[in-house]
């Protein structure tokens, strides 16, 4: 039986790094980069932060708090993920 929180984590994963969607001014390049960063950290997220409620930057915050437990590629991607998220967040006001 799949727990509800795991389902939420899996379905909310696209929102892990950057709030993507029509309501936000995200360029195709930013969206592609966010998806690439998300893919780098997907396994780590599910392993160490899988039960974190998606949205509001909680997933990225969890990854940052547990950086020592992450794979090198994910750990190295975190600063760029945070910068991209902050940039898009600032652009939408």
C-alpha atoms as a PDB file:
ATOM      1  CA  UNK A   1       0.000   0.000   0.000  1.00  0.00           C
ATOM      2  CA  UNK A   2       1.417   3.366  -1.008  1.00  0.00           C
ATOM      3  CA  UNK A   3       1.221   5.989   1.673  1.00  0.00           C
ATOM      4  CA  UNK A   4      -0.561   9.211   0.822  1.00  0.00           C
ATOM      5  CA  UNK A   5       2.496  11.309   1.686  1.00  0.00           C
ATOM      6  CA  UNK A   6       4.668   9.321  -0.715  1.00  0.00           C
ATOM      7  CA  UNK A   7       2.127   9.885  -3.468  1.00  0.00           C
ATOM      8  CA  UNK A   8       2.129  13.602  -2.640  1.00  0.00           C
ATOM      9  CA  UNK A   9       5.920  13.641  -2.736  1.00  0.00           C
ATOM     10  CA  UNK A  10       5.994  11.973  -6.136  1.00  0.00           C
ATOM     11  CA  UNK A  11       3.274  14.138  -7.645  1.00  0.00           C
ATOM     12  CA  UNK A  12       4.706  17.291  -6.066  1.00  0.00           C
ATOM     13  CA  UNK A  13       8.254  16.620  -7.233  1.00  0.00           C
ATOM     14  CA  UNK A  14       8.002  18.943 -10.246  1.00  0.00           C
ATOM     15  CA  UNK A  15       7.404  21.747  -7.756  1.00  0.00           C
ATOM     16  CA  UNK A  16      10.391  20.796  -5.654  1.00  0.00           C
ATOM     17  CA  UNK A  17      12.847  23.306  -6.994  1.00  0.00           C
ATOM     18  CA  UNK A  18      10.898  25.935  -8.856  1.00  0.00           C
ATOM     19  CA  UNK A  19       7.221  26.806  -8.837  1.00  0.00           C
ATOM     20  CA  UNK A  20       6.378  25.998 -12.443  1.00  0.00           C
ATOM     21  CA  UNK A  21       3.096  26.818 -14.089  1.00  0.00           C
ATOM     22  CA  UNK A  22       1.073  29.239 -16.131  1.00  0.00           C
ATOM     23  CA  UNK A  23       0.698  31.655 -13.234  1.00  0.00           C
ATOM     24  CA  UNK A  24       4.446  32.210 -13.105  1.00  0.00           C
ATOM     25  CA  UNK A  25       6.706  33.943 -15.613  1.00  0.00           C
ATOM     26  CA  UNK A  26       8.993  30.994 -16.286  1.00  0.00           C
ATOM     27  CA  UNK A  27      10.916  30.951 -19.527  1.00  0.00           C
ATOM     28  CA  UNK A  28      11.283  27.665 -21.419  1.00  0.00           C
ATOM     29  CA  UNK A  29      14.999  27.732 -20.569  1.00  0.00           C
ATOM     30  CA  UNK A  30      14.305  28.168 -16.845  1.00  0.00           C
ATOM     31  CA  UNK A  31      11.731  25.403 -16.927  1.00  0.00           C
ATOM     32  CA  UNK A  32      14.183  23.062 -18.688  1.00  0.00           C
ATOM     33  CA  UNK A  33      16.921  23.899 -16.197  1.00  0.00           C
ATOM     34  CA  UNK A  34      14.582  23.391 -13.240  1.00  0.00           C
ATOM     35  CA  UNK A  35      13.528  20.017 -14.615  1.00  0.00           C
ATOM     36  CA  UNK A  36      17.167  18.996 -15.132  1.00  0.00           C
ATOM     37  CA  UNK A  37      18.027  20.021 -11.570  1.00  0.00           C
ATOM     38  CA  UNK A  38      14.979  18.168 -10.278  1.00  0.00           C
ATOM     39  CA  UNK A  39      16.030  15.037 -12.156  1.00  0.00           C
ATOM     40  CA  UNK A  40      19.513  15.194 -10.608  1.00  0.00           C
ATOM     41  CA  UNK A  41      18.017  15.229  -7.100  1.00  0.00           C
ATOM     42  CA  UNK A  42      14.935  13.064  -7.600  1.00  0.00           C
ATOM     43  CA  UNK A  43      16.380   9.913  -6.024  1.00  0.00           C
ATOM     44  CA  UNK A  44      17.910  11.849  -3.138  1.00  0.00           C
ATOM     45  CA  UNK A  45      14.642  13.675  -2.518  1.00  0.00           C
ATOM     46  CA  UNK A  46      12.668  10.454  -2.369  1.00  0.00           C
ATOM     47  CA  UNK A  47      15.275   8.855  -0.102  1.00  0.00           C
ATOM     48  CA  UNK A  48      15.766  11.614   2.487  1.00  0.00           C
ATOM     49  CA  UNK A  49      12.842  14.012   2.025  1.00  0.00           C
ATOM     50  CA  UNK A  50      10.125  11.815   0.538  1.00  0.00           C
ATOM     51  CA  UNK A  51       7.677  12.567   3.316  1.00  0.00           C
ATOM     52  CA  UNK A  52       8.126  16.342   3.138  1.00  0.00           C
ATOM     53  CA  UNK A  53       4.921  18.106   2.138  1.00  0.00           C
ATOM     54  CA  UNK A  54       5.502  19.637  -1.329  1.00  0.00           C
ATOM     55  CA  UNK A  55       5.278  23.356  -1.974  1.00  0.00           C
ATOM     56  CA  UNK A  56       6.500  26.544  -0.417  1.00  0.00           C
ATOM     57  CA  UNK A  57      10.151  25.634  -0.830  1.00  0.00           C
ATOM     58  CA  UNK A  58       9.913  22.857   1.764  1.00  0.00           C
ATOM     59  CA  UNK A  59      11.459  20.230  -0.513  1.00  0.00           C
ATOM     60  CA  UNK A  60      14.469  22.356  -1.345  1.00  0.00           C
ATOM     61  CA  UNK A  61      14.844  23.339   2.312  1.00  0.00           C
ATOM     62  CA  UNK A  62      14.806  19.669   3.307  1.00  0.00           C
ATOM     63  CA  UNK A  63      17.499  18.847   0.751  1.00  0.00           C
ATOM     64  CA  UNK A  64      19.627  21.727   2.012  1.00  0.00           C
ATOM     65  CA  UNK A  65      19.227  20.596   5.628  1.00  0.00           C
ATOM     66  CA  UNK A  66      20.217  17.044   4.728  1.00  0.00           C
ATOM     67  CA  UNK A  67      22.987  17.940   2.277  1.00  0.00           C
ATOM     68  CA  UNK A  68      25.449  15.578   3.972  1.00  0.00           C
ATOM     69  CA  UNK A  69      23.180  12.642   3.053  1.00  0.00           C
ATOM     70  CA  UNK A  70      22.858  13.571  -0.640  1.00  0.00           C
ATOM     71  CA  UNK A  71      24.728  12.292  -3.658  1.00  0.00           C
ATOM     72  CA  UNK A  72      27.501  14.553  -4.927  1.00  0.00           C
ATOM     73  CA  UNK A  73      25.604  15.577  -8.102  1.00  0.00           C
ATOM     74  CA  UNK A  74      22.550  16.623  -6.104  1.00  0.00           C
ATOM     75  CA  UNK A  75      24.590  18.418  -3.457  1.00  0.00           C
ATOM     76  CA  UNK A  76      26.446  20.310  -6.198  1.00  0.00           C
ATOM     77  CA  UNK A  77      23.144  21.247  -7.899  1.00  0.00           C
ATOM     78  CA  UNK A  78      21.573  22.758  -4.760  1.00  0.00           C
ATOM     79  CA  UNK A  79      23.103  26.259  -5.025  1.00  0.00           C
ATOM     80  CA  UNK A  80      21.908  26.621  -8.613  1.00  0.00           C
ATOM     81  CA  UNK A  81      18.481  25.242  -7.734  1.00  0.00           C
ATOM     82  CA  UNK A  82      18.144  27.733  -4.897  1.00  0.00           C
ATOM     83  CA  UNK A  83      19.320  30.629  -7.097  1.00  0.00           C
ATOM     84  CA  UNK A  84      16.897  29.695  -9.864  1.00  0.00           C
ATOM     85  CA  UNK A  85      14.013  29.367  -7.421  1.00  0.00           C
ATOM     86  CA  UNK A  86      14.799  32.751  -5.851  1.00  0.00           C
ATOM     87  CA  UNK A  87      15.094  34.407  -9.271  1.00  0.00           C
ATOM     88  CA  UNK A  88      11.699  33.146 -10.400  1.00  0.00           C
ATOM     89  CA  UNK A  89      10.159  33.951  -7.022  1.00  0.00           C
ATOM     90  CA  UNK A  90      11.457  37.548  -7.274  1.00  0.00           C
ATOM     91  CA  UNK A  91      10.204  37.941 -10.849  1.00  0.00           C
ATOM     92  CA  UNK A  92       6.661  37.018  -9.930  1.00  0.00           C
ATOM     93  CA  UNK A  93       6.661  39.622  -7.149  1.00  0.00           C
END
